[in-house]
Amino acid sequence: MHPEAVRSARKAGYSRRWEKASRRYLQSHPLCVRCLAKDPPVYTKATVTDHIIPHRGDPKLFWDESNWQALCKRCHDRKTLTEDINPTYTY
């Protein structure tokens, strides 16, 4: 198993610095982008700053705000279970 798969959230970069950045991002992006993309749009409060492309420990990808999206917990959990289930580690 890759070491990144078993690291704690703190060791994976989710520090106080991340919490502040995530909170700031969600203030600027308050609605879930996946819910908004539905037809008709559903206006759901975003509660998770998600990495569009999983960073897998790559700090450049982790802190790249163009790789972030605002999601509600339900959409984030669904994305994690479907898109992020078979990780590949390149870092």
PDB file of N, CA and C in Angstrom:
ATOM      1  N   MET A   1       0.849  -1.172   0.000  1.00  0.00           N
ATOM      2  CA  MET A   1       0.000   0.000   0.000  1.00  0.00           C
ATOM      3  C   MET A   1       0.901   1.243   0.000  1.00  0.00           C
ATOM      4  N   HIS A   2       0.527   2.241  -0.788  1.00  0.00           N
ATOM      5  CA  HIS A   2       1.290   3.474  -0.873  1.00  0.00           C
ATOM      6  C   HIS A   2       1.187   4.229   0.449  1.00  0.00           C
ATOM      7  N   PRO A   3       2.299   4.825   0.916  1.00  0.00           N
ATOM      8  CA  PRO A   3       2.275   5.551   2.195  1.00  0.00           C
ATOM      9  C   PRO A   3       1.233   6.668   2.243  1.00  0.00           C
ATOM     10  N   GLU A   4       0.968   7.298   1.109  1.00  0.00           N
ATOM     11  CA  GLU A   4      -0.019   8.386   1.087  1.00  0.00           C
ATOM     12  C   GLU A   4      -1.417   7.892   1.437  1.00  0.00           C
ATOM     13  N   ALA A   5      -1.701   6.631   1.145  1.00  0.00           N
ATOM     14  CA  ALA A   5      -3.034   6.072   1.383  1.00  0.00           C
ATOM     15  C   ALA A   5      -3.327   5.876   2.862  1.00  0.00           C
ATOM     16  N   VAL A   6      -2.294   5.833   3.692  1.00  0.00           N
ATOM     17  CA  VAL A   6      -2.518   5.568   5.113  1.00  0.00           C
ATOM     18  C   VAL A   6      -2.112   6.733   6.016  1.00  0.00           C
ATOM     19  N   ARG A   7      -1.665   7.837   5.422  1.00  0.00           N
ATOM     20  CA  ARG A   7      -1.280   8.994   6.233  1.00  0.00           C
ATOM     21  C   ARG A   7      -2.503   9.656   6.833  1.00  0.00           C
ATOM     22  N   SER A   8      -2.317  10.237   8.001  1.00  0.00           N
ATOM     23  CA  SER A   8      -3.410  10.974   8.633  1.00  0.00           C
ATOM     24  C   SER A   8      -3.693  12.234   7.824  1.00  0.00           C
ATOM     25  N   ALA A   9      -4.870  12.805   8.034  1.00  0.00           N
ATOM     26  CA  ALA A   9      -5.246  14.032   7.322  1.00  0.00           C
ATOM     27  C   ALA A   9      -4.246  15.146   7.602  1.00  0.00           C
ATOM     28  N   ARG A  10      -3.827  15.272   8.844  1.00  0.00           N
ATOM     29  CA  ARG A  10      -2.851  16.311   9.203  1.00  0.00           C
ATOM     30  C   ARG A  10      -1.545  16.122   8.440  1.00  0.00           C
ATOM     31  N   LYS A  11      -1.069  14.898   8.382  1.00  0.00           N
ATOM     32  CA  LYS A  11       0.192  14.637   7.692  1.00  0.00           C
ATOM     33  C   LYS A  11       0.040  14.746   6.182  1.00  0.00           C
ATOM     34  N   ALA A  12      -1.173  14.632   5.677  1.00  0.00           N
ATOM     35  CA  ALA A  12      -1.413  14.760   4.240  1.00  0.00           C
ATOM     36  C   ALA A  12      -1.555  16.224   3.825  1.00  0.00           C
ATOM     37  N   GLY A  13      -1.389  17.147   4.771  1.00  0.00           N
ATOM     38  CA  GLY A  13      -1.420  18.566   4.430  1.00  0.00           C
ATOM     39  C   GLY A  13      -2.625  19.319   4.934  1.00  0.00           C
ATOM     40  N   TYR A  14      -3.583  18.634   5.527  1.00  0.00           N
ATOM     41  CA  TYR A  14      -4.794  19.292   6.002  1.00  0.00           C
ATOM     42  C   TYR A  14      -4.553  19.897   7.376  1.00  0.00           C
ATOM     43  N   SER A  15      -3.800  20.988   7.382  1.00  0.00           N
ATOM     44  CA  SER A  15      -3.349  21.677   8.582  1.00  0.00           C
ATOM     45  C   SER A  15      -4.242  22.880   8.871  1.00  0.00           C
ATOM     46  N   ARG A  16      -3.856  23.644   9.875  1.00  0.00           N
ATOM     47  CA  ARG A  16      -4.572  24.899  10.162  1.00  0.00           C
ATOM     48  C   ARG A  16      -4.512  25.833   8.954  1.00  0.00           C
ATOM     49  N   ARG A  17      -3.365  25.829   8.285  1.00  0.00           N
ATOM     50  CA  ARG A  17      -3.234  26.653   7.077  1.00  0.00           C
ATOM     51  C   ARG A  17      -4.288  26.239   6.049  1.00  0.00           C
ATOM     52  N   TRP A  18      -4.476  24.927   5.857  1.00  0.00           N
ATOM     53  CA  TRP A  18      -5.495  24.436   4.918  1.00  0.00           C
ATOM     54  C   TRP A  18      -6.892  24.837   5.392  1.00  0.00           C
ATOM     55  N   GLU A  19      -7.154  24.673   6.669  1.00  0.00           N
ATOM     56  CA  GLU A  19      -8.480  25.016   7.199  1.00  0.00           C
ATOM     57  C   GLU A  19      -8.813  26.472   6.917  1.00  0.00           C
ATOM     58  N   LYS A  20      -7.848  27.378   7.108  1.00  0.00           N
ATOM     59  CA  LYS A  20      -8.066  28.798   6.826  1.00  0.00           C
ATOM     60  C   LYS A  20      -8.302  29.032   5.341  1.00  0.00           C
ATOM     61  N   ALA A  21      -7.478  28.410   4.500  1.00  0.00           N
ATOM     62  CA  ALA A  21      -7.611  28.575   3.053  1.00  0.00           C
ATOM     63  C   ALA A  21      -8.949  28.014   2.568  1.00  0.00           C
ATOM     64  N   SER A  22      -9.328  26.864   3.098  1.00  0.00           N
ATOM     65  CA  SER A  22     -10.593  26.232   2.722  1.00  0.00           C
ATOM     66  C   SER A  22     -11.781  27.098   3.140  1.00  0.00           C
ATOM     67  N   ARG A  23     -11.726  27.607   4.344  1.00  0.00           N
ATOM     68  CA  ARG A  23     -12.810  28.470   4.845  1.00  0.00           C
ATOM     69  C   ARG A  23     -12.948  29.719   3.969  1.00  0.00           C
ATOM     70  N   ARG A  24     -11.813  30.322   3.619  1.00  0.00           N
ATOM     71  CA  ARG A  24     -11.819  31.503   2.759  1.00  0.00           C
ATOM     72  C   ARG A  24     -12.389  31.152   1.380  1.00  0.00           C
ATOM     73  N   TYR A  25     -11.994  30.002   0.848  1.00  0.00           N
ATOM     74  CA  TYR A  25     -12.478  29.576  -0.467  1.00  0.00           C
ATOM     75  C   TYR A  25     -13.998  29.374  -0.440  1.00  0.00           C
ATOM     76  N   LEU A  26     -14.489  28.717   0.605  1.00  0.00           N
ATOM     77  CA  LEU A  26     -15.932  28.466   0.700  1.00  0.00           C
ATOM     78  C   LEU A  26     -16.730  29.752   0.896  1.00  0.00           C
ATOM     79  N   GLN A  27     -16.127  30.759   1.521  1.00  0.00           N
ATOM     80  CA  GLN A  27     -16.810  32.046   1.642  1.00  0.00           C
ATOM     81  C   GLN A  27     -16.985  32.688   0.276  1.00  0.00           C
ATOM     82  N   SER A  28     -16.006  32.493  -0.592  1.00  0.00           N
ATOM     83  CA  SER A  28     -16.071  33.043  -1.953  1.00  0.00           C
ATOM     84  C   SER A  28     -16.872  32.169  -2.908  1.00  0.00           C
ATOM     85  N   HIS A  29     -17.023  30.889  -2.559  1.00  0.00           N
ATOM     86  CA  HIS A  29     -17.734  29.913  -3.398  1.00  0.00           C
ATOM     87  C   HIS A  29     -18.730  29.158  -2.512  1.00  0.00           C
ATOM     88  N   PRO A  30     -19.829  29.793  -2.143  1.00  0.00           N
ATOM     89  CA  PRO A  30     -20.718  29.227  -1.121  1.00  0.00           C
ATOM     90  C   PRO A  30     -21.631  28.089  -1.570  1.00  0.00           C
ATOM     91  N   LEU A  31     -21.730  27.836  -2.872  1.00  0.00           N
ATOM     92  CA  LEU A  31     -22.662  26.817  -3.361  1.00  0.00           C
ATOM     93  C   LEU A  31     -21.927  25.641  -4.002  1.00  0.00           C
ATOM     94  N   CYS A  32     -22.505  24.474  -3.849  1.00  0.00           N
ATOM     95  CA  CYS A  32     -21.944  23.238  -4.407  1.00  0.00           C
ATOM     96  C   CYS A  32     -22.013  23.287  -5.937  1.00  0.00           C
ATOM     97  N   VAL A  33     -20.852  23.157  -6.577  1.00  0.00           N
ATOM     98  CA  VAL A  33     -20.812  23.249  -8.042  1.00  0.00           C
ATOM     99  C   VAL A  33     -21.533  22.091  -8.720  1.00  0.00           C
ATOM    100  N   ARG A  34     -21.519  20.932  -8.110  1.00  0.00           N
ATOM    101  CA  ARG A  34     -22.204  19.771  -8.722  1.00  0.00           C
ATOM    102  C   ARG A  34     -23.724  19.913  -8.617  1.00  0.00           C
ATOM    103  N   CYS A  35     -24.193  20.407  -7.510  1.00  0.00           N
ATOM    104  CA  CYS A  35     -25.643  20.620  -7.369  1.00  0.00           C
ATOM    105  C   CYS A  35     -26.116  21.719  -8.329  1.00  0.00           C
ATOM    106  N   LEU A  36     -25.290  22.752  -8.491  1.00  0.00           N
ATOM    107  CA  LEU A  36     -25.644  23.825  -9.420  1.00  0.00           C
ATOM    108  C   LEU A  36     -25.678  23.345 -10.869  1.00  0.00           C
ATOM    109  N   ALA A  37     -24.906  22.318 -11.181  1.00  0.00           N
ATOM    110  CA  ALA A  37     -24.834  21.804 -12.552  1.00  0.00           C
ATOM    111  C   ALA A  37     -26.027  20.929 -12.918  1.00  0.00           C
ATOM    112  N   LYS A  38     -26.849  20.593 -11.932  1.00  0.00           N
ATOM    113  CA  LYS A  38     -28.027  19.761 -12.208  1.00  0.00           C
ATOM    114  C   LYS A  38     -29.057  20.561 -12.993  1.00  0.00           C
ATOM    115  N   ASP A  39     -29.973  19.838 -13.654  1.00  0.00           N
ATOM    116  CA  ASP A  39     -31.040  20.489 -14.407  1.00  0.00           C
ATOM    117  C   ASP A  39     -32.378  20.039 -13.842  1.00  0.00           C
ATOM    118  N   PRO A  40     -33.074  20.877 -13.130  1.00  0.00           N
ATOM    119  CA  PRO A  40     -32.754  22.271 -12.809  1.00  0.00           C
ATOM    120  C   PRO A  40     -31.712  22.360 -11.693  1.00  0.00           C
ATOM    121  N   PRO A  41     -31.033  23.512 -11.591  1.00  0.00           N
ATOM    122  CA  PRO A  41     -30.014  23.691 -10.557  1.00  0.00           C
ATOM    123  C   PRO A  41     -30.593  23.538  -9.149  1.00  0.00           C
ATOM    124  N   VAL A  42     -29.804  22.959  -8.282  1.00  0.00           N
ATOM    125  CA  VAL A  42     -30.177  22.830  -6.871  1.00  0.00           C
ATOM    126  C   VAL A  42     -29.194  23.699  -6.093  1.00  0.00           C
ATOM    127  N   TYR A  43     -29.709  24.589  -5.280  1.00  0.00           N
ATOM    128  CA  TYR A  43     -28.876  25.521  -4.521  1.00  0.00           C
ATOM    129  C   TYR A  43     -28.571  24.916  -3.156  1.00  0.00           C
ATOM    130  N   THR A  44     -27.381  24.313  -3.050  1.00  0.00           N
ATOM    131  CA  THR A  44     -26.968  23.612  -1.844  1.00  0.00           C
ATOM    132  C   THR A  44     -25.697  24.265  -1.309  1.00  0.00           C
ATOM    133  N   LYS A  45     -25.679  24.504  -0.012  1.00  0.00           N
ATOM    134  CA  LYS A  45     -24.502  25.112   0.611  1.00  0.00           C
ATOM    135  C   LYS A  45     -23.302  24.173   0.496  1.00  0.00           C
ATOM    136  N   ALA A  46     -22.183  24.714   0.028  1.00  0.00           N
ATOM    137  CA  ALA A  46     -20.937  23.950  -0.046  1.00  0.00           C
ATOM    138  C   ALA A  46     -20.301  23.923   1.336  1.00  0.00           C
ATOM    139  N   THR A  47     -19.816  22.764   1.731  1.00  0.00           N
ATOM    140  CA  THR A  47     -19.185  22.615   3.040  1.00  0.00           C
ATOM    141  C   THR A  47     -17.787  22.012   2.947  1.00  0.00           C
ATOM    142  N   VAL A  48     -17.371  21.619   1.728  1.00  0.00           N
ATOM    143  CA  VAL A  48     -16.082  20.959   1.532  1.00  0.00           C
ATOM    144  C   VAL A  48     -15.351  21.618   0.365  1.00  0.00           C
ATOM    145  N   THR A  49     -14.084  21.965   0.588  1.00  0.00           N
ATOM    146  CA  THR A  49     -13.233  22.384  -0.515  1.00  0.00           C
ATOM    147  C   THR A  49     -12.554  21.120  -1.029  1.00  0.00           C
ATOM    148  N   ASP A  50     -12.910  20.734  -2.240  1.00  0.00           N
ATOM    149  CA  ASP A  50     -12.451  19.482  -2.829  1.00  0.00           C
ATOM    150  C   ASP A  50     -11.328  19.738  -3.826  1.00  0.00           C
ATOM    151  N   HIS A  51     -10.391  18.815  -3.890  1.00  0.00           N
ATOM    152  CA  HIS A  51      -9.366  18.839  -4.929  1.00  0.00           C
ATOM    153  C   HIS A  51      -9.948  18.115  -6.145  1.00  0.00           C
ATOM    154  N   ILE A  52     -10.132  18.836  -7.230  1.00  0.00           N
ATOM    155  CA  ILE A  52     -10.712  18.267  -8.447  1.00  0.00           C
ATOM    156  C   ILE A  52      -9.895  17.062  -8.896  1.00  0.00           C
ATOM    157  N   ILE A  53      -8.590  17.271  -9.027  1.00  0.00           N
ATOM    158  CA  ILE A  53      -7.662  16.174  -9.285  1.00  0.00           C
ATOM    159  C   ILE A  53      -7.032  15.848  -7.939  1.00  0.00           C
ATOM    160  N   PRO A  54      -7.204  14.638  -7.429  1.00  0.00           N
ATOM    161  CA  PRO A  54      -6.638  14.302  -6.123  1.00  0.00           C
ATOM    162  C   PRO A  54      -5.133  14.591  -6.082  1.00  0.00           C
ATOM    163  N   HIS A  55      -4.685  15.255  -5.035  1.00  0.00           N
ATOM    164  CA  HIS A  55      -3.288  15.689  -4.961  1.00  0.00           C
ATOM    165  C   HIS A  55      -2.323  14.555  -4.641  1.00  0.00           C
ATOM    166  N   ARG A  56      -2.775  13.502  -3.981  1.00  0.00           N
ATOM    167  CA  ARG A  56      -1.953  12.327  -3.669  1.00  0.00           C
ATOM    168  C   ARG A  56      -0.598  12.704  -3.065  1.00  0.00           C
ATOM    169  N   GLY A  57      -0.589  13.777  -2.260  1.00  0.00           N
ATOM    170  CA  GLY A  57       0.631  14.185  -1.573  1.00  0.00           C
ATOM    171  C   GLY A  57       1.475  15.201  -2.319  1.00  0.00           C
ATOM    172  N   ASP A  58       1.074  15.581  -3.519  1.00  0.00           N
ATOM    173  CA  ASP A  58       1.820  16.570  -4.301  1.00  0.00           C
ATOM    174  C   ASP A  58       1.460  17.966  -3.783  1.00  0.00           C
ATOM    175  N   PRO A  59       2.385  18.663  -3.107  1.00  0.00           N
ATOM    176  CA  PRO A  59       2.055  19.961  -2.516  1.00  0.00           C
ATOM    177  C   PRO A  59       1.670  21.011  -3.546  1.00  0.00           C
ATOM    178  N   LYS A  60       2.257  20.958  -4.733  1.00  0.00           N
ATOM    179  CA  LYS A  60       1.896  21.935  -5.771  1.00  0.00           C
ATOM    180  C   LYS A  60       0.424  21.775  -6.155  1.00  0.00           C
ATOM    181  N   LEU A  61      -0.006  20.551  -6.374  1.00  0.00           N
ATOM    182  CA  LEU A  61      -1.398  20.283  -6.723  1.00  0.00           C
ATOM    183  C   LEU A  61      -2.323  20.561  -5.542  1.00  0.00           C
ATOM    184  N   PHE A  62      -1.849  20.275  -4.339  1.00  0.00           N
ATOM    185  CA  PHE A  62      -2.640  20.514  -3.130  1.00  0.00           C
ATOM    186  C   PHE A  62      -3.012  21.988  -2.995  1.00  0.00           C
ATOM    187  N   TRP A  63      -2.044  22.890  -3.203  1.00  0.00           N
ATOM    188  CA  TRP A  63      -2.269  24.322  -2.978  1.00  0.00           C
ATOM    189  C   TRP A  63      -2.705  25.082  -4.224  1.00  0.00           C
ATOM    190  N   ASP A  64      -2.865  24.434  -5.343  1.00  0.00           N
ATOM    191  CA  ASP A  64      -3.296  25.079  -6.583  1.00  0.00           C
ATOM    192  C   ASP A  64      -4.803  25.329  -6.528  1.00  0.00           C
ATOM    193  N   GLU A  65      -5.185  26.583  -6.308  1.00  0.00           N
ATOM    194  CA  GLU A  65      -6.612  26.908  -6.153  1.00  0.00           C
ATOM    195  C   GLU A  65      -7.420  26.633  -7.419  1.00  0.00           C
ATOM    196  N   SER A  66      -6.776  26.571  -8.568  1.00  0.00           N
ATOM    197  CA  SER A  66      -7.522  26.225  -9.784  1.00  0.00           C
ATOM    198  C   SER A  66      -7.911  24.746  -9.781  1.00  0.00           C
ATOM    199  N   ASN A  67      -7.369  23.996  -8.828  1.00  0.00           N
ATOM    200  CA  ASN A  67      -7.706  22.577  -8.669  1.00  0.00           C
ATOM    201  C   ASN A  67      -8.720  22.372  -7.543  1.00  0.00           C
ATOM    202  N   TRP A  68      -9.275  23.428  -7.021  1.00  0.00           N
ATOM    203  CA  TRP A  68     -10.250  23.337  -5.935  1.00  0.00           C
ATOM    204  C   TRP A  68     -11.656  23.558  -6.479  1.00  0.00           C
ATOM    205  N   GLN A  69     -12.634  22.930  -5.830  1.00  0.00           N
ATOM    206  CA  GLN A  69     -14.037  23.184  -6.127  1.00  0.00           C
ATOM    207  C   GLN A  69     -14.828  23.072  -4.828  1.00  0.00           C
ATOM    208  N   ALA A  70     -15.904  23.822  -4.772  1.00  0.00           N
ATOM    209  CA  ALA A  70     -16.773  23.814  -3.599  1.00  0.00           C
ATOM    210  C   ALA A  70     -17.848  22.748  -3.781  1.00  0.00           C
ATOM    211  N   LEU A  71     -17.938  21.843  -2.798  1.00  0.00           N
ATOM    212  CA  LEU A  71     -18.932  20.777  -2.851  1.00  0.00           C
ATOM    213  C   LEU A  71     -19.678  20.675  -1.524  1.00  0.00           C
ATOM    214  N   CYS A  72     -20.904  20.161  -1.583  1.00  0.00           N
ATOM    215  CA  CYS A  72     -21.600  19.781  -0.358  1.00  0.00           C
ATOM    216  C   CYS A  72     -21.031  18.422   0.074  1.00  0.00           C
ATOM    217  N   LYS A  73     -21.263  18.040   1.292  1.00  0.00           N
ATOM    218  CA  LYS A  73     -20.710  16.775   1.795  1.00  0.00           C
ATOM    219  C   LYS A  73     -21.203  15.584   0.972  1.00  0.00           C
ATOM    220  N   ARG A  74     -22.470  15.603   0.604  1.00  0.00           N
ATOM    221  CA  ARG A  74     -23.036  14.489  -0.155  1.00  0.00           C
ATOM    222  C   ARG A  74     -22.320  14.310  -1.499  1.00  0.00           C
ATOM    223  N   CYS A  75     -22.118  15.410  -2.228  1.00  0.00           N
ATOM    224  CA  CYS A  75     -21.428  15.323  -3.521  1.00  0.00           C
ATOM    225  C   CYS A  75     -19.962  14.951  -3.330  1.00  0.00           C
ATOM    226  N   HIS A  76     -19.338  15.470  -2.288  1.00  0.00           N
ATOM    227  CA  HIS A  76     -17.939  15.125  -2.027  1.00  0.00           C
ATOM    228  C   HIS A  76     -17.789  13.636  -1.731  1.00  0.00           C
ATOM    229  N   ASP A  77     -18.675  13.110  -0.880  1.00  0.00           N
ATOM    230  CA  ASP A  77     -18.610  11.684  -0.552  1.00  0.00           C
ATOM    231  C   ASP A  77     -18.847  10.824  -1.787  1.00  0.00           C
ATOM    232  N   ARG A  78     -19.788  11.223  -2.617  1.00  0.00           N
ATOM    233  CA  ARG A  78     -20.077  10.480  -3.845  1.00  0.00           C
ATOM    234  C   ARG A  78     -18.873  10.520  -4.785  1.00  0.00           C
ATOM    235  N   LYS A  79     -18.246  11.683  -4.936  1.00  0.00           N
ATOM    236  CA  LYS A  79     -17.062  11.811  -5.791  1.00  0.00           C
ATOM    237  C   LYS A  79     -15.942  10.922  -5.268  1.00  0.00           C
ATOM    238  N   THR A  80     -15.712  10.953  -3.985  1.00  0.00           N
ATOM    239  CA  THR A  80     -14.646  10.152  -3.386  1.00  0.00           C
ATOM    240  C   THR A  80     -14.879   8.661  -3.628  1.00  0.00           C
ATOM    241  N   LEU A  81     -16.119   8.219  -3.486  1.00  0.00           N
ATOM    242  CA  LEU A  81     -16.428   6.797  -3.669  1.00  0.00           C
ATOM    243  C   LEU A  81     -16.404   6.346  -5.122  1.00  0.00           C
ATOM    244  N   THR A  82     -16.645   7.253  -6.050  1.00  0.00           N
ATOM    245  CA  THR A  82     -16.708   6.848  -7.457  1.00  0.00           C
ATOM    246  C   THR A  82     -15.448   7.214  -8.228  1.00  0.00           C
ATOM    247  N   GLU A  83     -15.036   8.468  -8.178  1.00  0.00           N
ATOM    248  CA  GLU A  83     -13.908   8.924  -8.986  1.00  0.00           C
ATOM    249  C   GLU A  83     -12.558   8.682  -8.340  1.00  0.00           C
ATOM    250  N   ASP A  84     -12.496   8.767  -7.027  1.00  0.00           N
ATOM    251  CA  ASP A  84     -11.206   8.717  -6.337  1.00  0.00           C
ATOM    252  C   ASP A  84     -10.912   7.349  -5.725  1.00  0.00           C
ATOM    253  N   ILE A  85     -11.716   6.350  -6.053  1.00  0.00           N
ATOM    254  CA  ILE A  85     -11.609   5.048  -5.378  1.00  0.00           C
ATOM    255  C   ILE A  85     -10.322   4.292  -5.727  1.00  0.00           C
ATOM    256  N   ASN A  86      -9.819   4.405  -6.936  1.00  0.00           N
ATOM    257  CA  ASN A  86      -8.610   3.689  -7.360  1.00  0.00           C
ATOM    258  C   ASN A  86      -7.495   4.688  -7.620  1.00  0.00           C
ATOM    259  N   PRO A  87      -6.814   5.099  -6.573  1.00  0.00           N
ATOM    260  CA  PRO A  87      -5.800   6.147  -6.726  1.00  0.00           C
ATOM    261  C   PRO A  87      -4.550   5.667  -7.465  1.00  0.00           C
ATOM    262  N   THR A  88      -3.949   6.612  -8.152  1.00  0.00           N
ATOM    263  CA  THR A  88      -2.612   6.390  -8.708  1.00  0.00           C
ATOM    264  C   THR A  88      -1.728   7.461  -8.098  1.00  0.00           C
ATOM    265  N   TYR A  89      -0.555   7.060  -7.665  1.00  0.00           N
ATOM    266  CA  TYR A  89       0.361   7.968  -6.998  1.00  0.00           C
ATOM    267  C   TYR A  89       1.541   8.233  -7.914  1.00  0.00           C
ATOM    268  N   THR A  90       1.743   9.505  -8.210  1.00  0.00           N
ATOM    269  CA  THR A  90       2.866   9.873  -9.076  1.00  0.00           C
ATOM    270  C   THR A  90       3.887  10.713  -8.341  1.00  0.00           C
ATOM    271  N   TYR A  91       3.573  11.165  -7.162  1.00  0.00           N
ATOM    272  CA  TYR A  91       4.476  12.043  -6.411  1.00  0.00           C
ATOM    273  C   TYR A  91       5.405  11.245  -5.556  1.00  0.00           C
TER     274      TYR A  91
END
